[in-house]
C-alpha atoms as a PDB file:
ATOM      1  CA  MET A   1      -3.610 -42.607  14.804  1.00  0.00           C
ATOM      2  CA  SER A   2      -0.098 -42.622  16.038  1.00  0.00           C
ATOM      3  CA  GLY A   3       2.962 -43.229  14.117  1.00  0.00           C
ATOM      4  CA  ALA A   4       6.507 -42.194  13.366  1.00  0.00           C
ATOM      5  CA  PRO A   5       7.063 -38.474  12.566  1.00  0.00           C
ATOM      6  CA  ARG A   6       6.924 -37.539   8.940  1.00  0.00           C
ATOM      7  CA  SER A   7      10.378 -37.064   7.557  1.00  0.00           C
ATOM      8  CA  LEU A   8      11.405 -34.018   5.266  1.00  0.00           C
ATOM      9  CA  ALA A   9      12.020 -34.449   1.552  1.00  0.00           C
ATOM     10  CA  ALA A  10      15.427 -33.378  -0.002  1.00  0.00           C
ATOM     11  CA  ASP A  11      14.197 -29.823  -0.563  1.00  0.00           C
ATOM     12  CA  GLY A  12      13.238 -29.496   3.091  1.00  0.00           C
ATOM     13  CA  HIS A  13       9.410 -29.615   2.767  1.00  0.00           C
ATOM     14  CA  SER A  14       7.301 -32.510   4.064  1.00  0.00           C
ATOM     15  CA  PRO A  15       6.671 -35.332   1.607  1.00  0.00           C
ATOM     16  CA  MET A  16       3.665 -34.817  -0.587  1.00  0.00           C
ATOM     17  CA  THR A  17       0.172 -35.509   0.926  1.00  0.00           C
ATOM     18  CA  GLU A  18      -2.958 -36.819  -0.676  1.00  0.00           C
ATOM     19  CA  ASP A  19      -4.208 -33.216  -1.112  1.00  0.00           C
ATOM     20  CA  GLU A  20      -0.940 -32.690  -3.205  1.00  0.00           C
ATOM     21  CA  VAL A  21      -0.717 -35.688  -5.522  1.00  0.00           C
ATOM     22  CA  GLY A  22      -2.831 -38.427  -6.945  1.00  0.00           C
ATOM     23  CA  THR A  23      -6.254 -37.961  -5.525  1.00  0.00           C
ATOM     24  CA  ALA A  24      -7.454 -34.439  -6.683  1.00  0.00           C
ATOM     25  CA  PRO A  25      -9.809 -34.086  -9.686  1.00  0.00           C
ATOM     26  CA  ALA A  26      -8.112 -33.999 -13.066  1.00  0.00           C
ATOM     27  CA  GLY A  27      -6.987 -30.499 -13.850  1.00  0.00           C
ATOM     28  CA  SER A  28      -4.078 -28.606 -15.580  1.00  0.00           C
ATOM     29  CA  VAL A  29      -1.391 -30.064 -13.245  1.00  0.00           C
ATOM     30  CA  ALA A  30       0.332 -33.192 -13.414  1.00  0.00           C
ATOM     31  CA  ARG A  31      -0.126 -35.779 -10.813  1.00  0.00           C
ATOM     32  CA  GLY A  32       2.703 -38.151  -9.863  1.00  0.00           C
ATOM     33  CA  SER A  33       5.338 -35.905 -11.534  1.00  0.00           C
ATOM     34  CA  GLY A  34       7.475 -35.655  -8.352  1.00  0.00           C
ATOM     35  CA  VAL A  35       6.621 -31.837  -8.328  1.00  0.00           C
ATOM     36  CA  THR A  36       4.070 -30.836  -5.716  1.00  0.00           C
ATOM     37  CA  LEU A  37       0.810 -29.416  -6.945  1.00  0.00           C
ATOM     38  CA  TRP A  38       0.967 -26.095  -5.219  1.00  0.00           C
ATOM     39  CA  ARG A  39       4.499 -25.599  -6.904  1.00  0.00           C
ATOM     40  CA  GLN A  40       3.107 -26.519 -10.331  1.00  0.00           C
ATOM     41  CA  ILE A  41       0.359 -23.975  -9.844  1.00  0.00           C
ATOM     42  CA  ALA A  42       2.712 -21.224  -8.763  1.00  0.00           C
ATOM     43  CA  GLU A  43       4.785 -21.969 -11.680  1.00  0.00           C
ATOM     44  CA  LYS A  44       2.075 -21.784 -14.209  1.00  0.00           C
ATOM     45  CA  LEU A  45       0.475 -18.516 -12.751  1.00  0.00           C
ATOM     46  CA  GLU A  46       4.084 -17.003 -12.567  1.00  0.00           C
ATOM     47  CA  ALA A  47       4.669 -17.941 -16.335  1.00  0.00           C
ATOM     48  CA  GLU A  48       1.319 -16.233 -17.096  1.00  0.00           C
ATOM     49  CA  ILE A  49       2.360 -13.129 -15.342  1.00  0.00           C
ATOM     50  CA  LEU A  50       5.827 -12.805 -16.895  1.00  0.00           C
ATOM     51  CA  ALA A  51       4.274 -13.481 -20.467  1.00  0.00           C
ATOM     52  CA  GLY A  52       1.780 -10.712 -19.758  1.00  0.00           C
ATOM     53  CA  ALA A  53      -1.327 -12.950 -20.023  1.00  0.00           C
ATOM     54  CA  LEU A  54      -1.982 -11.655 -16.333  1.00  0.00           C
ATOM     55  CA  ALA A  55      -1.004  -7.980 -16.637  1.00  0.00           C
ATOM     56  CA  PRO A  56       0.002  -5.751 -13.852  1.00  0.00           C
ATOM     57  CA  GLY A  57      -2.979  -4.494 -11.897  1.00  0.00           C
ATOM     58  CA  VAL A  58      -5.224  -7.447 -13.195  1.00  0.00           C
ATOM     59  CA  ARG A  59      -7.481  -9.051 -10.432  1.00  0.00           C
ATOM     60  CA  LEU A  60      -7.011 -12.860 -10.238  1.00  0.00           C
ATOM     61  CA  PRO A  61     -10.017 -14.962 -10.148  1.00  0.00           C
ATOM     62  CA  VAL A  62     -11.387 -15.830  -6.740  1.00  0.00           C
ATOM     63  CA  GLU A  63      -9.936 -18.890  -5.003  1.00  0.00           C
ATOM     64  CA  ALA A  64     -12.887 -21.115  -5.745  1.00  0.00           C
ATOM     65  CA  GLU A  65     -12.417 -20.560  -9.484  1.00  0.00           C
ATOM     66  CA  LEU A  66      -8.689 -20.997  -9.461  1.00  0.00           C
ATOM     67  CA  ALA A  67      -9.258 -24.289  -7.420  1.00  0.00           C
ATOM     68  CA  GLU A  68     -11.647 -25.521  -9.885  1.00  0.00           C
ATOM     69  CA  ARG A  69      -9.321 -24.589 -12.836  1.00  0.00           C
ATOM     70  CA  PHE A  70      -6.441 -26.508 -11.296  1.00  0.00           C
ATOM     71  CA  GLY A  71      -8.508 -29.336  -9.824  1.00  0.00           C
ATOM     72  CA  VAL A  72      -7.121 -28.853  -6.291  1.00  0.00           C
ATOM     73  CA  ASN A  73      -8.491 -27.883  -2.797  1.00  0.00           C
ATOM     74  CA  ARG A  74      -8.240 -24.457  -1.424  1.00  0.00           C
ATOM     75  CA  HIS A  75      -5.361 -25.318   1.042  1.00  0.00           C
ATOM     76  CA  THR A  76      -3.250 -26.402  -2.027  1.00  0.00           C
ATOM     77  CA  LEU A  77      -4.152 -23.252  -3.891  1.00  0.00           C
ATOM     78  CA  ARG A  78      -3.488 -20.750  -1.025  1.00  0.00           C
ATOM     79  CA  ARG A  79       0.065 -22.339  -0.704  1.00  0.00           C
ATOM     80  CA  ALA A  80       0.656 -21.357  -4.252  1.00  0.00           C
ATOM     81  CA  LEU A  81      -0.652 -17.867  -3.916  1.00  0.00           C
ATOM     82  CA  SER A  82       1.257 -17.346  -0.623  1.00  0.00           C
ATOM     83  CA  HIS A  83       4.560 -18.446  -2.631  1.00  0.00           C
ATOM     84  CA  LEU A  84       3.668 -15.799  -5.331  1.00  0.00           C
ATOM     85  CA  SER A  85       3.033 -13.141  -2.814  1.00  0.00           C
ATOM     86  CA  GLU A  86       6.337 -13.746  -1.149  1.00  0.00           C
ATOM     87  CA  ALA A  87       8.030 -13.597  -4.410  1.00  0.00           C
ATOM     88  CA  GLY A  88       6.476 -10.084  -5.040  1.00  0.00           C
ATOM     89  CA  LEU A  89       4.343 -11.105  -8.082  1.00  0.00           C
ATOM     90  CA  ILE A  90       0.840 -10.750  -6.491  1.00  0.00           C
ATOM     91  CA  GLU A  91      -0.625  -8.823  -3.698  1.00  0.00           C
ATOM     92  CA  ALA A  92      -3.817  -9.349  -1.696  1.00  0.00           C
ATOM     93  CA  THR A  93      -5.835  -6.243  -0.718  1.00  0.00           C
ATOM     94  CA  ALA A  94      -8.410  -6.405   1.971  1.00  0.00           C
ATOM     95  CA  GLY A  95     -11.826  -6.340   0.504  1.00  0.00           C
ATOM     96  CA  ARG A  96     -10.746  -6.068  -2.923  1.00  0.00           C
ATOM     97  CA  GLY A  97      -9.072  -9.347  -3.856  1.00  0.00           C
ATOM     98  CA  THR A  98      -5.781 -10.542  -5.160  1.00  0.00           C
ATOM     99  CA  PHE A  99      -4.089  -8.550  -7.869  1.00  0.00           C
ATOM    100  CA  VAL A 100      -1.049  -8.935 -10.008  1.00  0.00           C
ATOM    101  CA  LYS A 101       1.408  -6.403  -8.468  1.00  0.00           C
ATOM    102  CA  GLU A 102       2.078  -3.309 -10.378  1.00  0.00           C
ATOM    103  CA  PRO A 103       5.668  -1.687 -10.555  1.00  0.00           C
ATOM    104  CA  PRO A 104       6.364   0.603  -7.836  1.00  0.00           C
ATOM    105  CA  LEU A 105       4.701   3.986  -8.348  1.00  0.00           C
ATOM    106  CA  ARG A 106       7.328   6.552  -9.247  1.00  0.00           C
ATOM    107  CA  TYR A 107       7.017   9.327  -6.638  1.00  0.00           C
ATOM    108  CA  PRO A 108       9.219  12.437  -7.228  1.00  0.00           C
ATOM    109  CA  ILE A 109       9.968  14.615  -4.180  1.00  0.00           C
ATOM    110  CA  GLY A 110      10.721  18.142  -5.139  1.00  0.00           C
ATOM    111  CA  PRO A 111       9.518  21.906  -4.623  1.00  0.00           C
ATOM    112  CA  ARG A 112       5.989  20.951  -5.920  1.00  0.00           C
ATOM    113  CA  THR A 113       4.997  17.562  -4.677  1.00  0.00           C
ATOM    114  CA  ARG A 114       1.377  16.786  -5.310  1.00  0.00           C
ATOM    115  CA  PHE A 115      -0.019  13.344  -4.761  1.00  0.00           C
ATOM    116  CA  SER A 116      -2.954  13.532  -7.449  1.00  0.00           C
ATOM    117  CA  GLU A 117      -0.608  14.982 -10.035  1.00  0.00           C
ATOM    118  CA  ILE A 118       2.046  12.339  -9.405  1.00  0.00           C
ATOM    119  CA  VAL A 119      -0.282   9.446  -9.552  1.00  0.00           C
ATOM    120  CA  ALA A 120      -2.133  10.799 -12.508  1.00  0.00           C
ATOM    121  CA  ALA A 121       1.169  11.293 -14.418  1.00  0.00           C
ATOM    122  CA  GLY A 122       1.780   7.718 -13.863  1.00  0.00           C
ATOM    123  CA  GLY A 123      -1.386   6.476 -15.644  1.00  0.00           C
ATOM    124  CA  ARG A 124      -3.263   5.620 -12.488  1.00  0.00           C
ATOM    125  CA  GLU A 125      -6.189   6.869 -10.684  1.00  0.00           C
ATOM    126  CA  PRO A 126      -5.491   8.990  -7.555  1.00  0.00           C
ATOM    127  CA  PHE A 127      -7.717   9.036  -4.574  1.00  0.00           C
ATOM    128  CA  GLY A 128      -7.514  10.800  -1.113  1.00  0.00           C
ATOM    129  CA  ARG A 129      -9.656   9.417   1.489  1.00  0.00           C
ATOM    130  CA  PHE A 130     -10.480  11.485   4.664  1.00  0.00           C
ATOM    131  CA  LEU A 131     -10.267   9.476   7.909  1.00  0.00           C
ATOM    132  CA  GLY A 132     -10.783  12.178  10.436  1.00  0.00           C
ATOM    133  CA  SER A 133     -10.030  15.580  11.787  1.00  0.00           C
ATOM    134  CA  SER A 134      -9.642  17.488  15.091  1.00  0.00           C
ATOM    135  CA  VAL A 135      -8.508  20.918  16.401  1.00  0.00           C
ATOM    136  CA  GLU A 136      -5.899  20.521  19.162  1.00  0.00           C
ATOM    137  CA  PRO A 137      -3.316  22.430  20.868  1.00  0.00           C
ATOM    138  CA  ALA A 138       0.135  22.352  19.072  1.00  0.00           C
ATOM    139  CA  ASP A 139       2.635  20.225  20.905  1.00  0.00           C
ATOM    140  CA  ALA A 140       6.272  20.974  20.906  1.00  0.00           C
ATOM    141  CA  ASP A 141       7.075  19.270  17.561  1.00  0.00           C
ATOM    142  CA  VAL A 142       4.195  20.691  15.648  1.00  0.00           C
ATOM    143  CA  ALA A 143       4.738  24.253  17.086  1.00  0.00           C
ATOM    144  CA  ARG A 144       8.455  24.100  16.018  1.00  0.00           C
ATOM    145  CA  GLU A 145       7.658  23.120  12.541  1.00  0.00           C
ATOM    146  CA  LEU A 146       4.950  25.505  12.025  1.00  0.00           C
ATOM    147  CA  GLN A 147       6.504  28.261  13.890  1.00  0.00           C
ATOM    148  CA  LEU A 148       3.750  28.722  16.357  1.00  0.00           C
ATOM    149  CA  ALA A 149       3.673  29.053  20.146  1.00  0.00           C
ATOM    150  CA  VAL A 150       3.150  25.806  22.006  1.00  0.00           C
ATOM    151  CA  GLY A 151      -0.522  25.333  22.616  1.00  0.00           C
ATOM    152  CA  THR A 152      -1.609  27.290  19.472  1.00  0.00           C
ATOM    153  CA  PRO A 153      -4.778  25.637  18.024  1.00  0.00           C
ATOM    154  CA  VAL A 154      -3.870  23.500  14.933  1.00  0.00           C
ATOM    155  CA  LEU A 155      -6.041  21.541  12.598  1.00  0.00           C
ATOM    156  CA  ARG A 156      -5.183  17.864  12.457  1.00  0.00           C
ATOM    157  CA  ILE A 157      -6.231  15.860   9.273  1.00  0.00           C
ATOM    158  CA  GLU A 158      -5.874  12.178   8.948  1.00  0.00           C
ATOM    159  CA  THR A 159      -5.939  10.626   5.405  1.00  0.00           C
ATOM    160  CA  THR A 160      -5.078   7.688   3.310  1.00  0.00           C
ATOM    161  CA  HIS A 161      -4.057   7.915  -0.314  1.00  0.00           C
ATOM    162  CA  GLU A 162      -4.571   5.335  -3.045  1.00  0.00           C
ATOM    163  CA  ALA A 163      -3.670   4.709  -6.818  1.00  0.00           C
ATOM    164  CA  ASP A 164      -6.183   2.641  -8.627  1.00  0.00           C
ATOM    165  CA  GLY A 165      -7.707   1.626  -5.483  1.00  0.00           C
ATOM    166  CA  VAL A 166      -4.389   0.366  -3.876  1.00  0.00           C
ATOM    167  CA  PRO A 167      -3.444   1.949  -0.616  1.00  0.00           C
ATOM    168  CA  ILE A 168      -0.233   3.832  -0.988  1.00  0.00           C
ATOM    169  CA  SER A 169       0.143   5.950   2.078  1.00  0.00           C
ATOM    170  CA  CYS A 170      -1.549   7.055   5.280  1.00  0.00           C
ATOM    171  CA  GLY A 171      -0.797   9.767   7.665  1.00  0.00           C
ATOM    172  CA  SER A 172      -1.497  13.044   9.461  1.00  0.00           C
ATOM    173  CA  ALA A 173      -0.947  16.721   8.605  1.00  0.00           C
ATOM    174  CA  TRP A 174      -1.186  19.782  10.844  1.00  0.00           C
ATOM    175  CA  PHE A 175      -2.231  23.128   9.687  1.00  0.00           C
ATOM    176  CA  PRO A 176      -2.552  26.569  11.545  1.00  0.00           C
ATOM    177  CA  HIS A 177      -6.201  26.582  12.496  1.00  0.00           C
ATOM    178  CA  ALA A 178      -6.538  30.411  12.208  1.00  0.00           C
ATOM    179  CA  ARG A 179      -5.361  30.027   8.407  1.00  0.00           C
ATOM    180  CA  CYS A 180      -7.312  26.960   7.534  1.00  0.00           C
ATOM    181  CA  ARG A 181     -10.526  26.806   9.105  1.00  0.00           C
ATOM    182  CA  ASP A 182     -12.917  24.358   7.556  1.00  0.00           C
ATOM    183  CA  LEU A 183     -10.189  22.779   5.433  1.00  0.00           C
ATOM    184  CA  ASP A 184     -11.100  19.373   6.701  1.00  0.00           C
ATOM    185  CA  LEU A 185     -14.675  19.731   5.540  1.00  0.00           C
ATOM    186  CA  VAL A 186     -13.668  20.755   2.056  1.00  0.00           C
ATOM    187  CA  TYR A 187     -11.068  18.073   1.862  1.00  0.00           C
ATOM    188  CA  ALA A 188     -13.582  15.292   2.825  1.00  0.00           C
ATOM    189  CA  ALA A 189     -15.863  16.545   0.126  1.00  0.00           C
ATOM    190  CA  THR A 190     -13.167  16.732  -2.652  1.00  0.00           C
ATOM    191  CA  GLY A 191     -10.566  14.183  -1.723  1.00  0.00           C
ATOM    192  CA  SER A 192      -7.885  16.695  -2.961  1.00  0.00           C
ATOM    193  CA  LEU A 193      -5.737  18.767  -0.553  1.00  0.00           C
ATOM    194  CA  THR A 194      -4.711  21.125  -3.416  1.00  0.00           C
ATOM    195  CA  ARG A 195      -8.308  21.940  -4.446  1.00  0.00           C
ATOM    196  CA  ALA A 196      -9.349  22.258  -0.718  1.00  0.00           C
ATOM    197  CA  LEU A 197      -6.580  24.785  -0.133  1.00  0.00           C
ATOM    198  CA  ALA A 198      -7.566  26.675  -3.250  1.00  0.00           C
ATOM    199  CA  THR A 199     -11.074  27.207  -1.800  1.00  0.00           C
ATOM    200  CA  LEU A 200      -9.366  29.123   1.129  1.00  0.00           C
ATOM    201  CA  GLY A 201      -7.345  31.266  -1.282  1.00  0.00           C
ATOM    202  CA  ILE A 202      -4.060  29.337  -0.999  1.00  0.00           C
ATOM    203  CA  GLU A 203      -3.421  28.603  -4.738  1.00  0.00           C
ATOM    204  CA  ASP A 204       0.174  27.432  -4.306  1.00  0.00           C
ATOM    205  CA  PHE A 205       2.634  26.056  -1.832  1.00  0.00           C
ATOM    206  CA  ARG A 206       5.967  24.340  -1.981  1.00  0.00           C
ATOM    207  CA  ARG A 207       8.013  21.766  -0.099  1.00  0.00           C
ATOM    208  CA  ARG A 208      10.755  23.127   2.128  1.00  0.00           C
ATOM    209  CA  GLU A 209      11.846  19.984   3.644  1.00  0.00           C
ATOM    210  CA  THR A 210      11.317  16.280   3.591  1.00  0.00           C
ATOM    211  CA  ARG A 211      12.864  13.828   6.071  1.00  0.00           C
ATOM    212  CA  ILE A 212      12.591   9.987   5.641  1.00  0.00           C
ATOM    213  CA  THR A 213      12.993   7.013   7.860  1.00  0.00           C
ATOM    214  CA  ALA A 214      12.155   3.403   7.583  1.00  0.00           C
ATOM    215  CA  ARG A 215      10.705   0.714   9.944  1.00  0.00           C
ATOM    216  CA  PRO A 216       8.328  -2.268  10.136  1.00  0.00           C
ATOM    217  CA  ALA A 217       4.575  -1.242   9.819  1.00  0.00           C
ATOM    218  CA  ASN A 218       2.654  -0.961  13.111  1.00  0.00           C
ATOM    219  CA  PRO A 219      -0.659  -2.637  13.495  1.00  0.00           C
ATOM    220  CA  ARG A 220      -2.646   0.373  12.418  1.00  0.00           C
ATOM    221  CA  GLU A 221      -0.690   0.938   9.260  1.00  0.00           C
ATOM    222  CA  MET A 222      -1.034  -2.710   8.502  1.00  0.00           C
ATOM    223  CA  GLU A 223      -4.818  -2.431   8.557  1.00  0.00           C
ATOM    224  CA  ILE A 224      -5.049   0.767   6.586  1.00  0.00           C
ATOM    225  CA  LEU A 225      -2.479  -0.219   3.987  1.00  0.00           C
ATOM    226  CA  SER A 226      -3.393  -3.890   3.822  1.00  0.00           C
ATOM    227  CA  LEU A 227       0.119  -4.960   4.682  1.00  0.00           C
ATOM    228  CA  ALA A 228       1.094  -8.386   5.942  1.00  0.00           C
ATOM    229  CA  ALA A 229       3.125  -8.599   9.141  1.00  0.00           C
ATOM    230  CA  GLY A 230       6.773  -7.715   8.773  1.00  0.00           C
ATOM    231  CA  ARG A 231       6.261  -5.406   5.731  1.00  0.00           C
ATOM    232  CA  ALA A 232       8.051  -2.114   5.809  1.00  0.00           C
ATOM    233  CA  VAL A 233       7.038   1.424   5.587  1.00  0.00           C
ATOM    234  CA  MET A 234       8.878   4.650   4.696  1.00  0.00           C
ATOM    235  CA  VAL A 235       7.849   7.482   6.944  1.00  0.00           C
ATOM    236  CA  LEU A 236       8.121  10.771   5.331  1.00  0.00           C
ATOM    237  CA  GLU A 237       8.067  13.910   7.477  1.00  0.00           C
ATOM    238  CA  ARG A 238       7.296  17.052   5.314  1.00  0.00           C
ATOM    239  CA  LEU A 239       7.051  20.804   5.735  1.00  0.00           C
ATOM    240  CA  ASP A 240       5.270  22.972   3.113  1.00  0.00           C
ATOM    241  CA  VAL A 241       5.240  26.699   3.099  1.00  0.00           C
ATOM    242  CA  GLU A 242       3.198  29.189   1.281  1.00  0.00           C
ATOM    243  CA  ALA A 243       4.667  31.546  -1.327  1.00  0.00           C
ATOM    244  CA  ASN A 244       5.820  34.028   1.180  1.00  0.00           C
ATOM    245  CA  GLY A 245       7.744  31.344   3.143  1.00  0.00           C
ATOM    246  CA  THR A 246       5.115  31.027   5.857  1.00  0.00           C
ATOM    247  CA  PRO A 247       4.673  27.454   7.151  1.00  0.00           C
ATOM    248  CA  LEU A 248       1.449  25.997   5.835  1.00  0.00           C
ATOM    249  CA  GLN A 249       1.459  22.301   6.913  1.00  0.00           C
ATOM    250  CA  TRP A 250       3.724  19.839   8.733  1.00  0.00           C
ATOM    251  CA  GLY A 251       2.873  16.260   7.974  1.00  0.00           C
ATOM    252  CA  ARG A 252       4.039  12.749   8.728  1.00  0.00           C
ATOM    253  CA  SER A 253       2.883   9.929   6.269  1.00  0.00           C
ATOM    254  CA  SER A 254       3.685   6.355   6.161  1.00  0.00           C
ATOM    255  CA  PHE A 255       4.263   4.807   2.634  1.00  0.00           C
ATOM    256  CA  ALA A 256       4.104   1.063   1.637  1.00  0.00           C
ATOM    257  CA  ALA A 257       7.676   0.598   0.968  1.00  0.00           C
ATOM    258  CA  ASP A 258       7.320  -1.860  -1.849  1.00  0.00           C
ATOM    259  CA  ARG A 259       4.645   0.271  -3.553  1.00  0.00           C
ATOM    260  CA  VAL A 260       6.509   3.545  -4.133  1.00  0.00           C
ATOM    261  CA  GLN A 261       9.953   4.518  -5.521  1.00  0.00           C
ATOM    262  CA  LEU A 262      10.934   7.853  -4.185  1.00  0.00           C
ATOM    263  CA  VAL A 263      12.867   9.984  -6.658  1.00  0.00           C
ATOM    264  CA  PHE A 264      14.475  13.146  -5.330  1.00  0.00           C
ATOM    265  CA  LYS A 265      14.345  16.228  -7.723  1.00  0.00           C
ATOM    266  CA  PRO A 266      16.124  19.564  -7.139  1.00  0.00           C
END
């Protein structure tokens, strides 16, 4: 059916459709109020979040339950959830659902930087997920950082780290293969680099240098970290050394920028 193009309302949005006013089943939103249903839903959920009725980290009901609660269709509900996501109040994580967004994880960067200890200190459950490993010849960058000759075998381990099941970072770390044989196997079993290194007799190590840049997430980071297009990551390059100063690992990790707060400590 043809007709004149729909004009925009005063706030720049298209006029309300039948999905938005007047015809949906009765619920907890007001029909005919002049305020679109999706905005009313967003405002109600936002009020519950700010009041603490929906606490940080709480999983929202599935779409079908929320749509039934408010008496709207899923299209209208999704627009409300999209608005809350853009406002930084909720976050959808692939395979887990939609959660009230927690405050950024306070992540101190100092001589002893341990992901598991940092996350646990913040009252959250840490988890390191092993993604893969390989032994490869050191390229110029890895060789320079680990003070090895170019082509020396190094062990590359790829991981992702989570706090309470929420992806925080992903990346790769390179270790001298002669010093860290089978480190990847132990890490895959324990999920903790600190514990894995301890099995090799490396009880302690410290951070010598950290370098940080920022950029938009690439497709792989978006997938692993469950990030929407356009979201940013902070890329940390780090060099850890043993107690005697010998380089132990050089790594590059991408952190979901809005999920962490980096704190530099002397």
